[in-house]
Every structure is written in C-alpha cells, then in structure tokens.
Amino acid sequence: MGNWLSPIPDVPMDSPEGTLVQEILHDKIVVVFSKTYCPYCTMAKKALDEHNANYATVELDKREDGKRIQSVLGKMTGATTVPRVFIKGKFIGGGTEVKQLNDEGKLEGMLRDCGAI
C-alpha cells in the first residue's frame, strides 16, 4: 500500500481513479473518503453516526490506489487532506466542517433531505 508519507501523485481526472470516484459519488448518497487512523475522519464519521446515517466509507489507506484517489479528490475539492465528505455528489467539507454543520443543527436536515436518514 506504499509509504503514506510519500507525496500525492498528480493524477488526471480522466484516469481510472477519477472514473472510480465519479462512480462512487453517483452510486452512493453520502460518501466519506477517509483513512483509518485519522482523527478528523473519525470526527466526521461520528457526526454521521449520531444520526444513524446511511453512508459509504472509502478507506484510502487500505487501498493500493488510495494516493491516486486522494489526488483526484484534491482536484475536485481543492485539498488532498482527509476526510473528504460528499452528499449527493456535492463536497460538504472535511472533519471540522462536518462537525460544525452537526453542531449548528444543519447536518441532520441535509441527511434527511437526501434520504440518508
């Protein structure tokens, strides 16, 4: 799975990883691109779990193509940090933003509106 300290490669959006990300975002209502050891990822998942939300998780550190997927996400969202959280294909933020949405009472409505709860 490679050294996670190595730099993120430059991966084009029309790559297999770009296509995979688009397919995941099309097929799943709520998606968290995460790493298993990341505290901000845990924060985002915990906020979703508080509402018993139905969401998909893609653990990038468990995939051979994880760094390449992370590069694609960087092009889509402007940052390669994780988590990258999407609702209905729209990027809503990372761990801090998702927690803030939850703290402000907005996350539940977003999840309800898309049918994730």
C-alpha atoms as a PDB file:
ATOM      1  CA  MET A   1       0.000   0.000   0.000  1.00  0.00           C
ATOM      2  CA  GLY A   2       3.002   2.257  -0.080  1.00  0.00           C
ATOM      3  CA  ASN A   3       4.501   4.827   2.170  1.00  0.00           C
ATOM      4  CA  TRP A   4       1.822   7.298   3.255  1.00  0.00           C
ATOM      5  CA  LEU A   5       4.496   9.965   3.791  1.00  0.00           C
ATOM      6  CA  SER A   6       5.329   9.973   0.090  1.00  0.00           C
ATOM      7  CA  PRO A   7       3.927  12.845  -1.995  1.00  0.00           C
ATOM      8  CA  ILE A   8       0.494  12.716  -3.590  1.00  0.00           C
ATOM      9  CA  PRO A   9       0.890  11.948  -7.323  1.00  0.00           C
ATOM     10  CA  ASP A  10      -0.649  14.165 -10.000  1.00  0.00           C
ATOM     11  CA  VAL A  11      -3.497  12.046 -11.359  1.00  0.00           C
ATOM     12  CA  PRO A  12      -5.728  13.266 -14.216  1.00  0.00           C
ATOM     13  CA  MET A  13      -9.491  13.378 -13.722  1.00  0.00           C
ATOM     14  CA  ASP A  14      -9.993  11.055 -16.707  1.00  0.00           C
ATOM     15  CA  SER A  15      -7.851   8.350 -15.081  1.00  0.00           C
ATOM     16  CA  PRO A  16      -9.321   5.068 -13.811  1.00  0.00           C
ATOM     17  CA  GLU A  17      -9.248   6.565 -10.301  1.00  0.00           C
ATOM     18  CA  GLY A  18     -11.126   9.649 -11.488  1.00  0.00           C
ATOM     19  CA  THR A  19     -13.749   7.428 -13.066  1.00  0.00           C
ATOM     20  CA  LEU A  20     -13.966   5.343  -9.885  1.00  0.00           C
ATOM     21  CA  VAL A  21     -14.525   8.426  -7.710  1.00  0.00           C
ATOM     22  CA  GLN A  22     -17.262   9.658 -10.057  1.00  0.00           C
ATOM     23  CA  GLU A  23     -18.947   6.234  -9.984  1.00  0.00           C
ATOM     24  CA  ILE A  24     -18.847   6.099  -6.184  1.00  0.00           C
ATOM     25  CA  LEU A  25     -20.294   9.613  -5.899  1.00  0.00           C
ATOM     26  CA  HIS A  26     -23.014   8.714  -8.398  1.00  0.00           C
ATOM     27  CA  ASP A  27     -23.928   5.424  -6.705  1.00  0.00           C
ATOM     28  CA  LYS A  28     -23.825   6.451  -3.026  1.00  0.00           C
ATOM     29  CA  ILE A  29     -25.852   9.218  -1.380  1.00  0.00           C
ATOM     30  CA  VAL A  30     -23.288  10.029   1.328  1.00  0.00           C
ATOM     31  CA  VAL A  31     -19.598   9.179   0.973  1.00  0.00           C
ATOM     32  CA  VAL A  32     -16.669   9.685   3.339  1.00  0.00           C
ATOM     33  CA  PHE A  33     -13.202   9.337   1.814  1.00  0.00           C
ATOM     34  CA  SER A  34     -11.160   8.566   4.891  1.00  0.00           C
ATOM     35  CA  LYS A  35      -8.087   6.998   6.447  1.00  0.00           C
ATOM     36  CA  THR A  36      -8.479   4.565   9.316  1.00  0.00           C
ATOM     37  CA  TYR A  37      -6.003   6.332  11.614  1.00  0.00           C
ATOM     38  CA  CYS A  38      -7.183   9.922  11.002  1.00  0.00           C
ATOM     39  CA  PRO A  39      -8.839  11.704  13.962  1.00  0.00           C
ATOM     40  CA  TYR A  40     -10.617  14.187  11.674  1.00  0.00           C
ATOM     41  CA  CYS A  41     -12.081  11.260   9.723  1.00  0.00           C
ATOM     42  CA  THR A  42     -13.314   9.762  12.987  1.00  0.00           C
ATOM     43  CA  MET A  43     -14.858  13.146  13.843  1.00  0.00           C
ATOM     44  CA  ALA A  44     -16.800  13.256  10.564  1.00  0.00           C
ATOM     45  CA  LYS A  45     -17.971   9.640  10.827  1.00  0.00           C
ATOM     46  CA  LYS A  46     -19.029  10.195  14.444  1.00  0.00           C
ATOM     47  CA  ALA A  47     -21.183  13.162  13.382  1.00  0.00           C
ATOM     48  CA  LEU A  48     -22.871  10.998  10.728  1.00  0.00           C
ATOM     49  CA  ASP A  49     -23.254   8.113  13.175  1.00  0.00           C
ATOM     50  CA  GLU A  50     -25.078  10.387  15.644  1.00  0.00           C
ATOM     51  CA  HIS A  51     -27.914  10.464  13.113  1.00  0.00           C
ATOM     52  CA  ASN A  52     -27.643   6.781  12.151  1.00  0.00           C
ATOM     53  CA  ALA A  53     -26.907   7.985   8.628  1.00  0.00           C
ATOM     54  CA  ASN A  54     -26.504   5.521   5.810  1.00  0.00           C
ATOM     55  CA  TYR A  55     -23.120   6.342   4.277  1.00  0.00           C
ATOM     56  CA  ALA A  56     -20.295   4.683   2.394  1.00  0.00           C
ATOM     57  CA  THR A  57     -16.704   4.902   3.573  1.00  0.00           C
ATOM     58  CA  VAL A  58     -13.683   4.588   1.302  1.00  0.00           C
ATOM     59  CA  GLU A  59     -10.615   3.967   3.482  1.00  0.00           C
ATOM     60  CA  LEU A  60      -7.793   5.280   1.318  1.00  0.00           C
ATOM     61  CA  ASP A  61      -5.020   3.788   3.472  1.00  0.00           C
ATOM     62  CA  LYS A  62      -6.433   0.304   2.831  1.00  0.00           C
ATOM     63  CA  ARG A  63      -6.357   0.625  -0.966  1.00  0.00           C
ATOM     64  CA  GLU A  64      -3.460   0.257  -3.397  1.00  0.00           C
ATOM     65  CA  ASP A  65      -4.883   3.185  -5.396  1.00  0.00           C
ATOM     66  CA  GLY A  66      -5.553   5.315  -2.301  1.00  0.00           C
ATOM     67  CA  LYS A  67      -2.965   8.021  -3.040  1.00  0.00           C
ATOM     68  CA  ARG A  68      -4.190   8.301  -6.615  1.00  0.00           C
ATOM     69  CA  ILE A  69      -7.806   8.625  -5.427  1.00  0.00           C
ATOM     70  CA  GLN A  70      -6.624  11.262  -2.954  1.00  0.00           C
ATOM     71  CA  SER A  71      -5.071  13.195  -5.851  1.00  0.00           C
ATOM     72  CA  VAL A  72      -8.368  13.130  -7.746  1.00  0.00           C
ATOM     73  CA  LEU A  73     -10.207  14.332  -4.634  1.00  0.00           C
ATOM     74  CA  GLY A  74      -7.705  17.172  -4.360  1.00  0.00           C
ATOM     75  CA  LYS A  75      -8.533  18.318  -7.869  1.00  0.00           C
ATOM     76  CA  MET A  76     -12.254  18.117  -7.103  1.00  0.00           C
ATOM     77  CA  THR A  77     -12.239  19.816  -3.707  1.00  0.00           C
ATOM     78  CA  GLY A  78      -9.124  21.975  -3.625  1.00  0.00           C
ATOM     79  CA  ALA A  79      -7.418  19.958  -0.872  1.00  0.00           C
ATOM     80  CA  THR A  80      -5.913  16.493  -0.560  1.00  0.00           C
ATOM     81  CA  THR A  81      -6.490  16.227   3.188  1.00  0.00           C
ATOM     82  CA  VAL A  82      -8.955  13.714   4.571  1.00  0.00           C
ATOM     83  CA  PRO A  83     -11.741  13.261   5.207  1.00  0.00           C
ATOM     84  CA  ARG A  84     -13.488  14.446   2.085  1.00  0.00           C
ATOM     85  CA  VAL A  85     -17.250  14.173   2.696  1.00  0.00           C
ATOM     86  CA  PHE A  86     -19.867  14.302  -0.061  1.00  0.00           C
ATOM     87  CA  ILE A  87     -23.663  14.365  -0.016  1.00  0.00           C
ATOM     88  CA  LYS A  88     -25.382  13.619  -3.343  1.00  0.00           C
ATOM     89  CA  GLY A  89     -22.091  14.181  -5.144  1.00  0.00           C
ATOM     90  CA  LYS A  90     -21.536  17.619  -3.579  1.00  0.00           C
ATOM     91  CA  PHE A  91     -18.492  18.179  -1.397  1.00  0.00           C
ATOM     92  CA  ILE A  92     -19.609  19.451   2.029  1.00  0.00           C
ATOM     93  CA  GLY A  93     -16.230  19.590   3.763  1.00  0.00           C
ATOM     94  CA  GLY A  94     -13.747  17.777   5.926  1.00  0.00           C
ATOM     95  CA  GLY A  95     -13.978  16.684   9.542  1.00  0.00           C
ATOM     96  CA  THR A  96     -14.091  20.156  11.058  1.00  0.00           C
ATOM     97  CA  GLU A  97     -16.756  21.369   8.627  1.00  0.00           C
ATOM     98  CA  VAL A  98     -18.954  18.303   9.091  1.00  0.00           C
ATOM     99  CA  LYS A  99     -18.698  18.631  12.877  1.00  0.00           C
ATOM    100  CA  GLN A 100     -19.607  22.314  12.603  1.00  0.00           C
ATOM    101  CA  LEU A 101     -22.626  21.507  10.421  1.00  0.00           C
ATOM    102  CA  ASN A 102     -23.683  18.975  13.048  1.00  0.00           C
ATOM    103  CA  ASP A 103     -23.114  21.385  15.955  1.00  0.00           C
ATOM    104  CA  GLU A 104     -25.190  24.038  14.166  1.00  0.00           C
ATOM    105  CA  GLY A 105     -28.039  21.559  13.612  1.00  0.00           C
ATOM    106  CA  LYS A 106     -27.684  21.661   9.817  1.00  0.00           C
ATOM    107  CA  LEU A 107     -26.283  18.187   9.157  1.00  0.00           C
ATOM    108  CA  GLU A 108     -29.450  16.357  10.176  1.00  0.00           C
ATOM    109  CA  GLY A 109     -31.528  18.341   7.689  1.00  0.00           C
ATOM    110  CA  MET A 110     -29.027  17.704   4.919  1.00  0.00           C
ATOM    111  CA  LEU A 111     -29.082  13.973   5.655  1.00  0.00           C
ATOM    112  CA  ARG A 112     -32.875  13.917   5.880  1.00  0.00           C
ATOM    113  CA  ASP A 113     -33.280  15.862   2.621  1.00  0.00           C
ATOM    114  CA  CYS A 114     -31.162  13.354   0.683  1.00  0.00           C
ATOM    115  CA  GLY A 115     -32.752  10.265   2.261  1.00  0.00           C
ATOM    116  CA  ALA A 116     -29.681   9.134   4.203  1.00  0.00           C
ATOM    117  CA  ILE A 117     -31.742   9.046   7.420  1.00  0.00           C
END
